[in-house]
Amino acid sequence: MSLSSLAQNSALRLTAPSTSRRAIVEQASDAAARAAATNATPAEAKKMVEDAAEGAEKAKEVSVPSGPLAQLVTYVPTETLTLYVALQAALGDVTAPEGGQISDADFTPGWVWLSVFSGFTFLLTIGLSYRAQKNKDADKKFSIPWFESFAAVAAFLVWAFALPSTPLRDFAGFDYSAWNAFIILAGTVAIAVTAYVFGKDVSWEKVIKWEDEAG
């Protein structure tokens, strides 16, 4: 089974209640990104992803903490997170050229795909909002959810920049281990405070249910 399939099927078991779902996405996304960053073999990656999913699944039986990352991903439709994790796993991690630093590597594909997924996230939030509004009142004129759409894109970018595979490594001197916590906290605070000021409560439900090939 490919690493991308693992990210879709084994890691993201998104049939639990929404709070548990976010915890599983958080744990599995991080495990898949670590697998890609360390060039893990398919067997090693499978073990890392399944352990993460299993750990998150067990954790929901007690409680699921609402940490900054868990709060951050509530602003993003989980379809975006699922597909981006699968893409990162399929592409593998960028490696430094011989005799050079990681910032000397070619991060162009990473930036391009990040832009593509940002646009996809924006359009997806509009589409999901359209369906939600029409389900409530089919005759009412559709109102574009500008805040929700931009918040989803901003949250996705913060989340993507905080992954071990972040394209921010394109910049010389960037230290992922030193900056990822700050990126998550600063991004979450900025979006949450803005949402509070405008009286917005944003949370997206899963639409597509990935089938678990393992049964």
N, C-alpha and C. Protein backbone atom coordinates (compact mmCIF):
# COMPACT_ATOMS: atom_id res chain seq x y z
N MET A 1 0.85 -1.20 0.00
CA MET A 1 0.00 0.00 0.00
C MET A 1 0.88 1.24 0.00
N SER A 2 0.57 2.22 -0.82
CA SER A 2 1.39 3.42 -0.91
C SER A 2 1.24 4.27 0.33
N LEU A 3 2.24 5.15 0.54
CA LEU A 3 2.21 6.03 1.69
C LEU A 3 1.03 6.98 1.61
N SER A 4 0.67 7.40 0.39
CA SER A 4 -0.48 8.29 0.26
C SER A 4 -1.76 7.59 0.63
N SER A 5 -1.85 6.29 0.30
CA SER A 5 -3.04 5.53 0.69
C SER A 5 -3.12 5.39 2.19
N LEU A 6 -1.96 5.21 2.82
CA LEU A 6 -1.94 5.13 4.28
C LEU A 6 -2.45 6.42 4.89
N ALA A 7 -2.03 7.53 4.31
CA ALA A 7 -2.46 8.82 4.84
C ALA A 7 -3.97 8.98 4.72
N GLN A 8 -4.54 8.43 3.65
CA GLN A 8 -5.97 8.54 3.45
C GLN A 8 -6.75 7.54 4.30
N ASN A 9 -6.30 6.29 4.27
CA ASN A 9 -7.10 5.22 4.85
C ASN A 9 -6.75 4.86 6.28
N SER A 10 -5.49 4.61 6.56
CA SER A 10 -5.11 4.18 7.90
C SER A 10 -5.02 5.34 8.88
N ALA A 11 -4.45 6.47 8.42
CA ALA A 11 -4.21 7.58 9.33
C ALA A 11 -5.46 8.37 9.64
N LEU A 12 -6.26 8.65 8.63
CA LEU A 12 -7.38 9.57 8.82
C LEU A 12 -8.70 8.81 8.91
N ARG A 13 -8.91 8.18 10.04
CA ARG A 13 -10.15 7.44 10.27
C ARG A 13 -11.19 8.44 10.76
N LEU A 14 -11.84 9.10 9.81
CA LEU A 14 -12.66 10.25 10.15
C LEU A 14 -14.14 9.90 10.26
N THR A 15 -14.43 8.87 11.01
CA THR A 15 -15.82 8.50 11.21
C THR A 15 -16.24 8.73 12.65
N ALA A 16 -15.32 9.23 13.47
CA ALA A 16 -15.62 9.50 14.88
C ALA A 16 -16.31 10.85 14.99
N PRO A 17 -16.82 11.22 16.19
CA PRO A 17 -17.40 12.55 16.39
C PRO A 17 -16.37 13.61 16.05
N SER A 18 -16.83 14.85 15.79
CA SER A 18 -15.96 15.88 15.25
C SER A 18 -14.75 16.16 16.13
N THR A 19 -14.91 16.21 17.46
CA THR A 19 -13.77 16.50 18.33
C THR A 19 -12.72 15.42 18.20
N SER A 20 -13.13 14.14 18.23
CA SER A 20 -12.20 13.04 18.08
C SER A 20 -11.57 13.06 16.70
N ARG A 21 -12.35 13.41 15.72
CA ARG A 21 -11.86 13.47 14.35
C ARG A 21 -10.69 14.43 14.23
N ARG A 22 -10.81 15.59 14.86
CA ARG A 22 -9.73 16.57 14.78
C ARG A 22 -8.47 16.05 15.45
N ALA A 23 -8.63 15.33 16.56
CA ALA A 23 -7.46 14.78 17.24
C ALA A 23 -6.77 13.75 16.37
N ILE A 24 -7.55 12.92 15.68
CA ILE A 24 -6.97 11.90 14.80
C ILE A 24 -6.26 12.55 13.63
N VAL A 25 -6.87 13.59 13.04
CA VAL A 25 -6.23 14.31 11.94
C VAL A 25 -4.90 14.89 12.39
N GLU A 26 -4.90 15.50 13.58
CA GLU A 26 -3.68 16.12 14.10
C GLU A 26 -2.57 15.10 14.27
N GLN A 27 -2.87 13.99 14.93
CA GLN A 27 -1.85 12.98 15.21
C GLN A 27 -1.38 12.29 13.94
N ALA A 28 -2.31 11.91 13.09
CA ALA A 28 -1.96 11.19 11.87
C ALA A 28 -1.22 12.08 10.88
N SER A 29 -1.63 13.35 10.79
CA SER A 29 -0.94 14.28 9.89
C SER A 29 0.52 14.44 10.29
N ASP A 30 0.74 14.59 11.59
CA ASP A 30 2.10 14.76 12.07
C ASP A 30 2.92 13.50 11.81
N ALA A 31 2.32 12.32 12.03
CA ALA A 31 3.04 11.06 11.80
C ALA A 31 3.38 10.88 10.33
N ALA A 32 2.46 11.20 9.44
CA ALA A 32 2.72 11.06 8.01
C ALA A 32 3.81 12.02 7.56
N ALA A 33 3.78 13.24 8.10
CA ALA A 33 4.80 14.22 7.73
C ALA A 33 6.17 13.78 8.25
N ARG A 34 6.22 13.22 9.46
CA ARG A 34 7.49 12.74 10.00
C ARG A 34 8.03 11.60 9.16
N ALA A 35 7.13 10.73 8.71
CA ALA A 35 7.56 9.61 7.88
C ALA A 35 8.17 10.10 6.58
N ALA A 36 7.54 11.11 5.99
CA ALA A 36 8.08 11.66 4.74
C ALA A 36 9.41 12.37 4.99
N ALA A 37 9.50 13.09 6.11
CA ALA A 37 10.71 13.86 6.41
C ALA A 37 11.91 12.96 6.69
N THR A 38 11.67 11.77 7.23
CA THR A 38 12.77 10.87 7.59
C THR A 38 13.01 9.81 6.54
N ASN A 39 12.33 9.94 5.39
CA ASN A 39 12.48 8.95 4.31
C ASN A 39 12.24 7.53 4.81
N ALA A 40 11.21 7.37 5.61
CA ALA A 40 10.89 6.06 6.16
C ALA A 40 10.47 5.10 5.06
N THR A 41 10.74 3.82 5.26
CA THR A 41 10.29 2.81 4.31
C THR A 41 8.78 2.69 4.42
N PRO A 42 8.10 2.11 3.42
CA PRO A 42 6.65 1.94 3.50
C PRO A 42 6.20 1.22 4.78
N ALA A 43 6.97 0.20 5.18
CA ALA A 43 6.61 -0.54 6.40
C ALA A 43 6.75 0.34 7.63
N GLU A 44 7.84 1.11 7.70
CA GLU A 44 8.05 1.99 8.85
C GLU A 44 6.99 3.09 8.87
N ALA A 45 6.68 3.64 7.71
CA ALA A 45 5.67 4.69 7.63
C ALA A 45 4.30 4.16 8.05
N LYS A 46 3.98 2.95 7.60
CA LYS A 46 2.71 2.32 7.96
C LYS A 46 2.59 2.19 9.48
N LYS A 47 3.68 1.76 10.11
CA LYS A 47 3.67 1.59 11.57
C LYS A 47 3.49 2.94 12.27
N MET A 48 4.22 3.97 11.80
CA MET A 48 4.13 5.29 12.43
C MET A 48 2.72 5.87 12.32
N VAL A 49 2.13 5.76 11.13
CA VAL A 49 0.80 6.34 10.90
C VAL A 49 -0.27 5.57 11.67
N GLU A 50 -0.20 4.24 11.63
CA GLU A 50 -1.21 3.44 12.32
C GLU A 50 -1.11 3.62 13.83
N ASP A 51 0.12 3.74 14.37
CA ASP A 51 0.28 3.96 15.81
C ASP A 51 -0.32 5.30 16.21
N ALA A 52 -0.11 6.32 15.36
CA ALA A 52 -0.66 7.65 15.65
C ALA A 52 -2.18 7.62 15.64
N ALA A 53 -2.75 6.97 14.61
CA ALA A 53 -4.20 6.89 14.51
C ALA A 53 -4.79 6.10 15.68
N GLU A 54 -4.12 5.01 16.03
CA GLU A 54 -4.61 4.18 17.13
C GLU A 54 -4.53 4.93 18.45
N GLY A 55 -3.43 5.68 18.65
CA GLY A 55 -3.28 6.45 19.87
C GLY A 55 -4.36 7.51 20.01
N ALA A 56 -4.66 8.20 18.92
CA ALA A 56 -5.70 9.23 18.95
C ALA A 56 -7.07 8.60 19.16
N GLU A 57 -7.28 7.43 18.56
CA GLU A 57 -8.56 6.75 18.70
C GLU A 57 -8.80 6.34 20.16
N LYS A 58 -7.74 5.86 20.84
CA LYS A 58 -7.86 5.46 22.23
C LYS A 58 -8.03 6.67 23.14
N ALA A 59 -7.37 7.76 22.77
CA ALA A 59 -7.43 8.96 23.60
C ALA A 59 -8.83 9.52 23.69
N LYS A 60 -9.64 9.35 22.66
CA LYS A 60 -10.99 9.93 22.66
C LYS A 60 -11.88 9.28 23.71
N GLU A 61 -11.49 8.05 24.16
CA GLU A 61 -12.29 7.36 25.16
C GLU A 61 -12.20 8.05 26.51
N VAL A 62 -11.12 8.82 26.71
CA VAL A 62 -10.96 9.53 27.97
C VAL A 62 -11.31 11.00 27.78
N SER A 63 -10.50 11.68 27.03
CA SER A 63 -10.75 13.08 26.71
C SER A 63 -9.84 13.50 25.58
N VAL A 64 -10.28 14.50 24.85
CA VAL A 64 -9.46 15.03 23.76
C VAL A 64 -9.13 16.47 24.09
N PRO A 65 -7.86 16.80 24.41
CA PRO A 65 -7.51 18.16 24.77
C PRO A 65 -7.67 19.10 23.59
N SER A 66 -8.10 20.31 23.88
CA SER A 66 -8.30 21.31 22.83
C SER A 66 -7.07 22.22 22.77
N GLY A 67 -5.97 21.67 22.24
CA GLY A 67 -4.74 22.43 22.13
C GLY A 67 -4.80 23.39 20.96
N PRO A 68 -3.76 24.22 20.81
CA PRO A 68 -3.74 25.19 19.72
C PRO A 68 -3.89 24.54 18.35
N LEU A 69 -3.18 23.42 18.11
CA LEU A 69 -3.28 22.79 16.80
C LEU A 69 -4.67 22.22 16.56
N ALA A 70 -5.27 21.61 17.61
CA ALA A 70 -6.62 21.08 17.47
C ALA A 70 -7.61 22.20 17.16
N GLN A 71 -7.40 23.36 17.80
CA GLN A 71 -8.28 24.50 17.53
C GLN A 71 -8.05 25.04 16.13
N LEU A 72 -6.79 25.04 15.71
CA LEU A 72 -6.46 25.58 14.40
C LEU A 72 -7.15 24.82 13.27
N VAL A 73 -7.13 23.48 13.34
CA VAL A 73 -7.67 22.69 12.24
C VAL A 73 -9.19 22.75 12.17
N THR A 74 -9.85 23.28 13.19
CA THR A 74 -11.31 23.43 13.10
C THR A 74 -11.70 24.46 12.05
N TYR A 75 -10.78 25.35 11.71
CA TYR A 75 -11.08 26.38 10.72
C TYR A 75 -10.92 25.87 9.29
N VAL A 76 -10.37 24.67 9.13
CA VAL A 76 -10.07 24.15 7.79
C VAL A 76 -10.93 22.93 7.49
N PRO A 77 -11.58 22.88 6.32
CA PRO A 77 -12.28 21.65 5.94
C PRO A 77 -11.30 20.48 5.94
N THR A 78 -11.66 19.38 6.57
CA THR A 78 -10.70 18.29 6.74
C THR A 78 -10.33 17.62 5.43
N GLU A 79 -11.13 17.82 4.37
CA GLU A 79 -10.75 17.30 3.06
C GLU A 79 -9.41 17.88 2.62
N THR A 80 -9.19 19.16 2.90
CA THR A 80 -7.94 19.81 2.54
C THR A 80 -6.77 19.15 3.28
N LEU A 81 -6.94 18.95 4.58
CA LEU A 81 -5.87 18.35 5.37
C LEU A 81 -5.57 16.93 4.91
N THR A 82 -6.62 16.17 4.64
CA THR A 82 -6.46 14.79 4.20
C THR A 82 -5.65 14.71 2.91
N LEU A 83 -6.03 15.52 1.93
CA LEU A 83 -5.37 15.48 0.62
C LEU A 83 -3.94 16.02 0.69
N TYR A 84 -3.74 17.05 1.50
CA TYR A 84 -2.40 17.63 1.58
C TYR A 84 -1.42 16.67 2.25
N VAL A 85 -1.88 15.98 3.30
CA VAL A 85 -1.03 14.97 3.95
C VAL A 85 -0.68 13.86 2.96
N ALA A 86 -1.68 13.42 2.19
CA ALA A 86 -1.43 12.37 1.21
C ALA A 86 -0.42 12.85 0.16
N LEU A 87 -0.56 14.10 -0.28
CA LEU A 87 0.36 14.65 -1.27
C LEU A 87 1.78 14.71 -0.73
N GLN A 88 1.93 15.21 0.51
CA GLN A 88 3.25 15.31 1.10
C GLN A 88 3.91 13.94 1.24
N ALA A 89 3.10 12.96 1.61
CA ALA A 89 3.64 11.60 1.75
C ALA A 89 4.07 11.05 0.40
N ALA A 90 3.30 11.36 -0.65
CA ALA A 90 3.62 10.85 -1.99
C ALA A 90 4.86 11.54 -2.56
N LEU A 91 5.01 12.84 -2.33
CA LEU A 91 6.15 13.58 -2.86
C LEU A 91 7.44 13.25 -2.14
N GLY A 92 7.33 12.91 -0.85
CA GLY A 92 8.53 12.69 -0.06
C GLY A 92 9.16 14.01 0.34
N ASP A 93 10.20 13.94 1.16
CA ASP A 93 10.79 15.17 1.67
C ASP A 93 11.88 15.69 0.74
N VAL A 94 12.06 17.00 0.77
CA VAL A 94 13.13 17.64 0.01
C VAL A 94 14.46 17.38 0.73
N THR A 95 15.50 17.07 -0.01
CA THR A 95 16.81 16.81 0.58
C THR A 95 17.81 17.86 0.12
N ALA A 96 18.78 18.12 0.96
CA ALA A 96 19.80 19.11 0.64
C ALA A 96 20.71 18.58 -0.46
N PRO A 97 21.12 19.44 -1.37
CA PRO A 97 22.06 19.01 -2.41
C PRO A 97 23.41 18.67 -1.80
N GLU A 98 24.18 17.86 -2.48
CA GLU A 98 25.47 17.44 -1.95
C GLU A 98 26.37 18.65 -1.70
N GLY A 99 26.86 18.72 -0.47
CA GLY A 99 27.73 19.83 -0.10
C GLY A 99 27.00 21.11 0.21
N GLY A 100 25.66 21.09 0.19
CA GLY A 100 24.89 22.30 0.45
C GLY A 100 23.98 22.15 1.65
N GLN A 101 23.20 23.17 1.91
CA GLN A 101 22.24 23.17 3.00
C GLN A 101 20.85 22.91 2.46
N ILE A 102 19.91 22.62 3.36
CA ILE A 102 18.54 22.33 2.94
C ILE A 102 17.92 23.52 2.22
N SER A 103 18.33 24.73 2.60
CA SER A 103 17.78 25.93 1.94
C SER A 103 18.25 26.06 0.49
N ASP A 104 19.29 25.29 0.12
CA ASP A 104 19.77 25.32 -1.25
C ASP A 104 18.98 24.37 -2.16
N ALA A 105 18.12 23.56 -1.57
CA ALA A 105 17.32 22.61 -2.34
C ALA A 105 16.22 23.34 -3.10
N ASP A 106 15.59 22.64 -4.03
CA ASP A 106 14.52 23.22 -4.85
C ASP A 106 13.16 23.01 -4.17
N PHE A 107 12.62 24.07 -3.62
CA PHE A 107 11.32 24.00 -2.95
C PHE A 107 10.18 24.49 -3.84
N THR A 108 10.47 24.70 -5.11
CA THR A 108 9.44 25.22 -6.01
C THR A 108 8.18 24.37 -6.02
N PRO A 109 8.27 23.02 -6.14
CA PRO A 109 7.04 22.21 -6.12
C PRO A 109 6.24 22.40 -4.84
N GLY A 110 6.95 22.53 -3.71
CA GLY A 110 6.26 22.72 -2.44
C GLY A 110 5.47 24.02 -2.40
N TRP A 111 6.08 25.10 -2.89
CA TRP A 111 5.38 26.39 -2.92
C TRP A 111 4.21 26.36 -3.90
N VAL A 112 4.41 25.71 -5.03
CA VAL A 112 3.33 25.62 -6.03
C VAL A 112 2.15 24.85 -5.47
N TRP A 113 2.40 23.69 -4.86
CA TRP A 113 1.31 22.90 -4.31
C TRP A 113 0.64 23.60 -3.13
N LEU A 114 1.42 24.34 -2.35
CA LEU A 114 0.84 25.10 -1.26
C LEU A 114 -0.13 26.15 -1.79
N SER A 115 0.23 26.79 -2.89
CA SER A 115 -0.66 27.78 -3.51
C SER A 115 -1.92 27.12 -4.07
N VAL A 116 -1.73 25.96 -4.71
CA VAL A 116 -2.87 25.22 -5.26
C VAL A 116 -3.85 24.84 -4.16
N PHE A 117 -3.34 24.33 -3.06
CA PHE A 117 -4.22 23.91 -1.97
C PHE A 117 -4.85 25.09 -1.25
N SER A 118 -4.18 26.23 -1.25
CA SER A 118 -4.78 27.43 -0.66
C SER A 118 -6.01 27.83 -1.47
N GLY A 119 -5.86 27.81 -2.81
CA GLY A 119 -7.00 28.11 -3.67
C GLY A 119 -8.11 27.08 -3.54
N PHE A 120 -7.71 25.81 -3.45
CA PHE A 120 -8.69 24.74 -3.28
C PHE A 120 -9.47 24.91 -1.98
N THR A 121 -8.75 25.27 -0.91
CA THR A 121 -9.40 25.48 0.38
C THR A 121 -10.41 26.61 0.31
N PHE A 122 -10.05 27.70 -0.35
CA PHE A 122 -10.94 28.85 -0.48
C PHE A 122 -12.22 28.45 -1.22
N LEU A 123 -12.07 27.76 -2.34
CA LEU A 123 -13.23 27.36 -3.13
C LEU A 123 -14.07 26.31 -2.40
N LEU A 124 -13.39 25.41 -1.68
CA LEU A 124 -14.11 24.38 -0.95
C LEU A 124 -14.98 24.97 0.15
N THR A 125 -14.46 25.96 0.87
CA THR A 125 -15.26 26.58 1.93
C THR A 125 -16.50 27.25 1.36
N ILE A 126 -16.35 27.87 0.20
CA ILE A 126 -17.51 28.50 -0.44
C ILE A 126 -18.53 27.44 -0.86
N GLY A 127 -18.03 26.35 -1.44
CA GLY A 127 -18.94 25.27 -1.86
C GLY A 127 -19.67 24.64 -0.70
N LEU A 128 -18.95 24.35 0.38
CA LEU A 128 -19.58 23.75 1.56
C LEU A 128 -20.59 24.71 2.19
N SER A 129 -20.24 25.99 2.21
CA SER A 129 -21.15 26.99 2.77
C SER A 129 -22.41 27.13 1.91
N TYR A 130 -22.23 27.05 0.61
CA TYR A 130 -23.38 27.12 -0.29
C TYR A 130 -24.36 25.99 0.02
N ARG A 131 -23.84 24.78 0.14
CA ARG A 131 -24.72 23.65 0.41
C ARG A 131 -25.38 23.78 1.79
N ALA A 132 -24.61 24.24 2.79
CA ALA A 132 -25.17 24.39 4.14
C ALA A 132 -26.29 25.43 4.15
N GLN A 133 -26.08 26.55 3.44
CA GLN A 133 -27.11 27.59 3.40
C GLN A 133 -28.35 27.11 2.65
N LYS A 134 -28.17 26.41 1.54
CA LYS A 134 -29.32 25.93 0.77
C LYS A 134 -30.07 24.84 1.51
N ASN A 135 -29.37 24.08 2.34
CA ASN A 135 -30.06 23.06 3.13
C ASN A 135 -30.99 23.69 4.16
N LYS A 136 -30.60 24.88 4.63
CA LYS A 136 -31.43 25.58 5.61
C LYS A 136 -32.59 26.32 4.94
N ASP A 137 -32.31 26.97 3.82
CA ASP A 137 -33.34 27.74 3.13
C ASP A 137 -32.99 27.79 1.64
N ALA A 138 -33.61 26.92 0.87
CA ALA A 138 -33.27 26.78 -0.55
C ALA A 138 -33.61 28.04 -1.35
N ASP A 139 -34.56 28.83 -0.87
CA ASP A 139 -34.99 30.01 -1.62
C ASP A 139 -34.20 31.27 -1.27
N LYS A 140 -33.41 31.21 -0.22
CA LYS A 140 -32.67 32.39 0.21
C LYS A 140 -31.44 32.59 -0.67
N LYS A 141 -31.14 33.85 -0.99
CA LYS A 141 -29.97 34.16 -1.82
C LYS A 141 -28.69 33.77 -1.10
N PHE A 142 -27.77 33.15 -1.83
CA PHE A 142 -26.52 32.69 -1.24
C PHE A 142 -25.65 33.87 -0.83
N SER A 143 -25.15 33.82 0.40
CA SER A 143 -24.27 34.85 0.92
C SER A 143 -22.86 34.26 1.03
N ILE A 144 -21.92 34.82 0.29
CA ILE A 144 -20.55 34.30 0.28
C ILE A 144 -19.92 34.47 1.67
N PRO A 145 -19.41 33.41 2.26
CA PRO A 145 -18.80 33.48 3.60
C PRO A 145 -17.35 33.96 3.52
N TRP A 146 -17.17 35.25 3.35
CA TRP A 146 -15.83 35.78 3.15
C TRP A 146 -14.92 35.48 4.32
N PHE A 147 -15.40 35.73 5.54
CA PHE A 147 -14.53 35.51 6.70
C PHE A 147 -14.13 34.05 6.81
N GLU A 148 -15.12 33.16 6.71
CA GLU A 148 -14.84 31.73 6.85
C GLU A 148 -13.84 31.25 5.80
N SER A 149 -13.98 31.78 4.58
CA SER A 149 -13.11 31.36 3.50
C SER A 149 -11.67 31.80 3.72
N PHE A 150 -11.50 33.07 4.10
CA PHE A 150 -10.14 33.57 4.34
C PHE A 150 -9.55 32.95 5.61
N ALA A 151 -10.39 32.71 6.62
CA ALA A 151 -9.89 32.07 7.83
C ALA A 151 -9.43 30.65 7.55
N ALA A 152 -10.14 29.95 6.69
CA ALA A 152 -9.76 28.59 6.34
C ALA A 152 -8.41 28.57 5.63
N VAL A 153 -8.21 29.49 4.70
CA VAL A 153 -6.94 29.56 3.98
C VAL A 153 -5.81 29.92 4.94
N ALA A 154 -6.05 30.90 5.81
CA ALA A 154 -5.02 31.32 6.76
C ALA A 154 -4.65 30.17 7.69
N ALA A 155 -5.65 29.46 8.20
CA ALA A 155 -5.40 28.34 9.11
C ALA A 155 -4.66 27.21 8.40
N PHE A 156 -5.03 26.96 7.14
CA PHE A 156 -4.33 25.92 6.37
C PHE A 156 -2.86 26.28 6.20
N LEU A 157 -2.57 27.54 5.87
CA LEU A 157 -1.19 27.97 5.68
C LEU A 157 -0.39 27.84 6.97
N VAL A 158 -0.98 28.25 8.08
CA VAL A 158 -0.30 28.12 9.38
C VAL A 158 0.01 26.66 9.66
N TRP A 159 -0.99 25.80 9.45
CA TRP A 159 -0.82 24.36 9.69
C TRP A 159 0.26 23.79 8.79
N ALA A 160 0.25 24.15 7.51
CA ALA A 160 1.24 23.62 6.56
C ALA A 160 2.64 24.13 6.88
N PHE A 161 2.74 25.39 7.29
CA PHE A 161 4.04 25.95 7.62
C PHE A 161 4.63 25.32 8.88
N ALA A 162 3.76 24.76 9.73
CA ALA A 162 4.23 24.17 10.98
C ALA A 162 4.61 22.70 10.84
N LEU A 163 4.34 22.10 9.67
CA LEU A 163 4.71 20.70 9.45
C LEU A 163 6.23 20.57 9.28
N PRO A 164 6.78 19.39 9.59
CA PRO A 164 8.23 19.18 9.38
C PRO A 164 8.64 19.37 7.91
N SER A 165 7.71 19.14 6.98
CA SER A 165 8.01 19.29 5.56
C SER A 165 7.79 20.72 5.06
N THR A 166 7.65 21.68 5.96
CA THR A 166 7.34 23.06 5.61
C THR A 166 8.26 23.62 4.53
N PRO A 167 7.70 24.32 3.54
CA PRO A 167 8.54 24.96 2.51
C PRO A 167 9.30 26.16 3.04
N LEU A 168 9.03 26.56 4.29
CA LEU A 168 9.78 27.66 4.88
C LEU A 168 11.26 27.32 5.02
N ARG A 169 11.58 26.04 4.91
CA ARG A 169 12.99 25.64 4.96
C ARG A 169 13.75 26.16 3.74
N ASP A 170 13.02 26.72 2.81
CA ASP A 170 13.64 27.34 1.63
C ASP A 170 14.47 28.56 2.03
N PHE A 171 14.16 29.13 3.21
CA PHE A 171 14.86 30.31 3.68
C PHE A 171 16.05 29.91 4.55
N ALA A 172 17.22 30.42 4.21
CA ALA A 172 18.44 30.09 4.95
C ALA A 172 18.29 30.51 6.42
N GLY A 173 18.67 29.61 7.31
CA GLY A 173 18.63 29.91 8.73
C GLY A 173 17.33 29.53 9.41
N PHE A 174 16.31 29.11 8.64
CA PHE A 174 15.05 28.72 9.28
C PHE A 174 15.22 27.40 10.01
N ASP A 175 14.84 27.40 11.28
CA ASP A 175 14.95 26.20 12.12
C ASP A 175 13.55 25.74 12.49
N TYR A 176 13.12 24.62 11.88
CA TYR A 176 11.76 24.13 12.12
C TYR A 176 11.49 23.90 13.60
N SER A 177 12.40 23.22 14.28
CA SER A 177 12.17 22.86 15.69
C SER A 177 12.06 24.08 16.58
N ALA A 178 12.67 25.19 16.18
CA ALA A 178 12.61 26.41 16.99
C ALA A 178 11.37 27.25 16.70
N TRP A 179 10.84 27.15 15.48
CA TRP A 179 9.78 28.05 15.05
C TRP A 179 8.40 27.42 14.95
N ASN A 180 8.29 26.08 14.86
CA ASN A 180 6.97 25.51 14.57
C ASN A 180 5.95 25.79 15.67
N ALA A 181 6.38 25.74 16.94
CA ALA A 181 5.44 26.02 18.04
C ALA A 181 4.95 27.46 17.97
N PHE A 182 5.87 28.38 17.69
CA PHE A 182 5.48 29.80 17.60
C PHE A 182 4.51 30.03 16.44
N ILE A 183 4.79 29.38 15.30
CA ILE A 183 3.92 29.53 14.13
C ILE A 183 2.50 29.09 14.47
N ILE A 184 2.37 27.93 15.11
CA ILE A 184 1.05 27.41 15.48
C ILE A 184 0.35 28.33 16.47
N LEU A 185 1.06 28.74 17.52
CA LEU A 185 0.46 29.58 18.55
C LEU A 185 0.07 30.95 18.00
N ALA A 186 1.00 31.58 17.27
CA ALA A 186 0.72 32.92 16.74
C ALA A 186 -0.42 32.87 15.73
N GLY A 187 -0.40 31.87 14.87
CA GLY A 187 -1.46 31.75 13.87
C GLY A 187 -2.81 31.49 14.50
N THR A 188 -2.85 30.58 15.47
CA THR A 188 -4.10 30.25 16.14
C THR A 188 -4.66 31.45 16.89
N VAL A 189 -3.79 32.15 17.61
CA VAL A 189 -4.24 33.33 18.37
C VAL A 189 -4.79 34.39 17.42
N ALA A 190 -4.08 34.65 16.33
CA ALA A 190 -4.50 35.69 15.40
C ALA A 190 -5.87 35.37 14.80
N ILE A 191 -6.04 34.13 14.37
CA ILE A 191 -7.31 33.76 13.74
C ILE A 191 -8.44 33.71 14.77
N ALA A 192 -8.16 33.14 15.94
CA ALA A 192 -9.19 33.02 16.98
C ALA A 192 -9.65 34.39 17.48
N VAL A 193 -8.70 35.30 17.68
CA VAL A 193 -9.06 36.64 18.15
C VAL A 193 -9.89 37.37 17.10
N THR A 194 -9.48 37.25 15.84
CA THR A 194 -10.23 37.89 14.75
C THR A 194 -11.65 37.31 14.67
N ALA A 195 -11.77 35.98 14.82
CA ALA A 195 -13.08 35.35 14.80
C ALA A 195 -13.94 35.85 15.95
N TYR A 196 -13.34 36.00 17.11
CA TYR A 196 -14.07 36.49 18.29
C TYR A 196 -14.56 37.91 18.07
N VAL A 197 -13.68 38.76 17.53
CA VAL A 197 -14.05 40.16 17.31
C VAL A 197 -15.23 40.27 16.35
N PHE A 198 -15.25 39.43 15.32
CA PHE A 198 -16.33 39.47 14.33
C PHE A 198 -17.49 38.55 14.68
N GLY A 199 -17.42 37.92 15.84
CA GLY A 199 -18.51 37.07 16.29
C GLY A 199 -18.71 35.83 15.44
N LYS A 200 -17.61 35.24 14.97
CA LYS A 200 -17.69 34.06 14.11
C LYS A 200 -17.31 32.81 14.88
N ASP A 201 -18.02 31.73 14.61
CA ASP A 201 -17.72 30.43 15.19
C ASP A 201 -17.59 29.44 14.02
N VAL A 202 -16.37 29.18 13.62
CA VAL A 202 -16.12 28.39 12.41
C VAL A 202 -15.72 26.97 12.77
N SER A 203 -16.41 26.00 12.18
CA SER A 203 -16.05 24.60 12.37
C SER A 203 -16.62 23.82 11.20
N TRP A 204 -15.77 23.00 10.57
CA TRP A 204 -16.18 22.27 9.37
C TRP A 204 -16.32 20.79 9.67
N GLU A 205 -17.39 20.21 9.14
CA GLU A 205 -17.62 18.78 9.30
C GLU A 205 -17.06 18.02 8.10
N LYS A 206 -16.73 16.76 8.33
CA LYS A 206 -16.21 15.92 7.27
C LYS A 206 -17.33 15.57 6.29
N VAL A 207 -17.03 15.68 4.99
CA VAL A 207 -18.01 15.34 3.95
C VAL A 207 -17.70 13.98 3.36
N ILE A 208 -16.45 13.79 2.92
CA ILE A 208 -16.04 12.53 2.32
C ILE A 208 -15.60 11.55 3.40
N LYS A 209 -16.10 10.33 3.35
CA LYS A 209 -15.71 9.30 4.30
C LYS A 209 -14.74 8.35 3.61
N TRP A 210 -13.48 8.34 4.07
CA TRP A 210 -12.51 7.43 3.48
C TRP A 210 -12.73 6.03 4.02
N GLU A 211 -12.81 5.06 3.14
CA GLU A 211 -12.98 3.68 3.56
C GLU A 211 -11.65 3.09 3.99
N ASP A 212 -11.66 2.34 5.08
CA ASP A 212 -10.43 1.71 5.59
C ASP A 212 -10.24 0.38 4.88
N GLU A 213 -9.21 0.27 4.05
CA GLU A 213 -8.97 -0.95 3.30
C GLU A 213 -8.69 -2.14 4.20
N ALA A 214 -8.21 -1.84 5.41
CA ALA A 214 -7.90 -2.93 6.34
C ALA A 214 -9.16 -3.50 6.98
N GLY A 215 -10.29 -2.82 6.75
CA GLY A 215 -11.55 -3.29 7.31
C GLY A 215 -11.75 -2.83 8.72
